[in-house]
């Protein structure tokens, strides 16, 4: 994970209590229709660039450390490089994509625009028969190769742990180990954001990821394990303060699963609004599996857990400071991994549907 301007970000987060992340929807339209996802459609128009500039300016005014560009599929936006460039003028910029639209030219242009981190979603080695899981390694392997060779931003792979992939999860981890990317593991949730799976097989997969994989973050390790074991830990959500979700209409929401509870346009949002929501219990924390919100809330809710996770992340090489690094810098590690790990042409079919 690349961290641009770490000292400025630390000052804003600790002194101004600024948002860690402002998620910004640039289009609801997506080129896929994954069965577990409720954050897309197949017909919406992209949000006009001038409106997005205004919303980005508002996030800059609020000192958001990172602006995360979301969809739908953000690469469908006709001016995505301009959006990245404007956001990068006063913040770190990340993007979540399914990766299908990435080619070398797009990778180069995103790097030129100032993208810091790209999160690429892969949920399985191959599609399941019902095609609930469409972001697969079989389809996206050439994109990963291209990113490893050419990306000047940092890249990590994210996987949603669910019923359809739990039995082949270890195969997926082994296959992804060929690439120089860290992995974030999300937990399937329902339309309200609450955990939708639990049981010993999910807990084992979760622990295997943190014990033997290349985790993107250690902050959620114990929390996720407890969710999957059936516990409902108590915590205070910082959404609306440390975490902002700005929908396609420009409205601030608590998160993608809890809409209509803030009722204020981001252009009218103030530091007083941030403070009012930062330590306010939301009532939906029990069983919440929106892990990006949980991670951003820990800075106020459980700083000791944050400190321990930060130290562990430093020891494990999670962070890359400043503007150096990115996936292309790790191509030697990729080549070394390929010499020692099997290809994915014939993975185990245990547990596939």
Foldseek 3Di string as FASTA:
>chain_A
DEAAPVVLLVCCCPPVVFAQEEEEEQEQAAPADAQLDDRHDHDTDGQDPVVLLLLLVLSLVSVHQEYEYEYSALVPDPPSLVSLLSNQVRHAYEYEHCQPPDDLVVLVSNVVSHHAEYEHEAAEQDAFPVRNGPSHCVRCVVSLVSQLAHHLHAYAYEYEDDLQHLFCLVVVQLQCQLAPHAYAYFYRDHLQQFGDAADDSSLVSLVCCVVPGRHLFDLCSVVVSCLRHPFFDDWAFQFQANYWYQYSVQDTASDSRGPDPLPDGSSPDDSVSNVVRRRDHDVSRGRGRPVVRVLSNCVPTPVVSVVVGVVVCVVSVSYDYHSGDHSNVCVVVSVVSPVPGDHSPPTDPPSHD
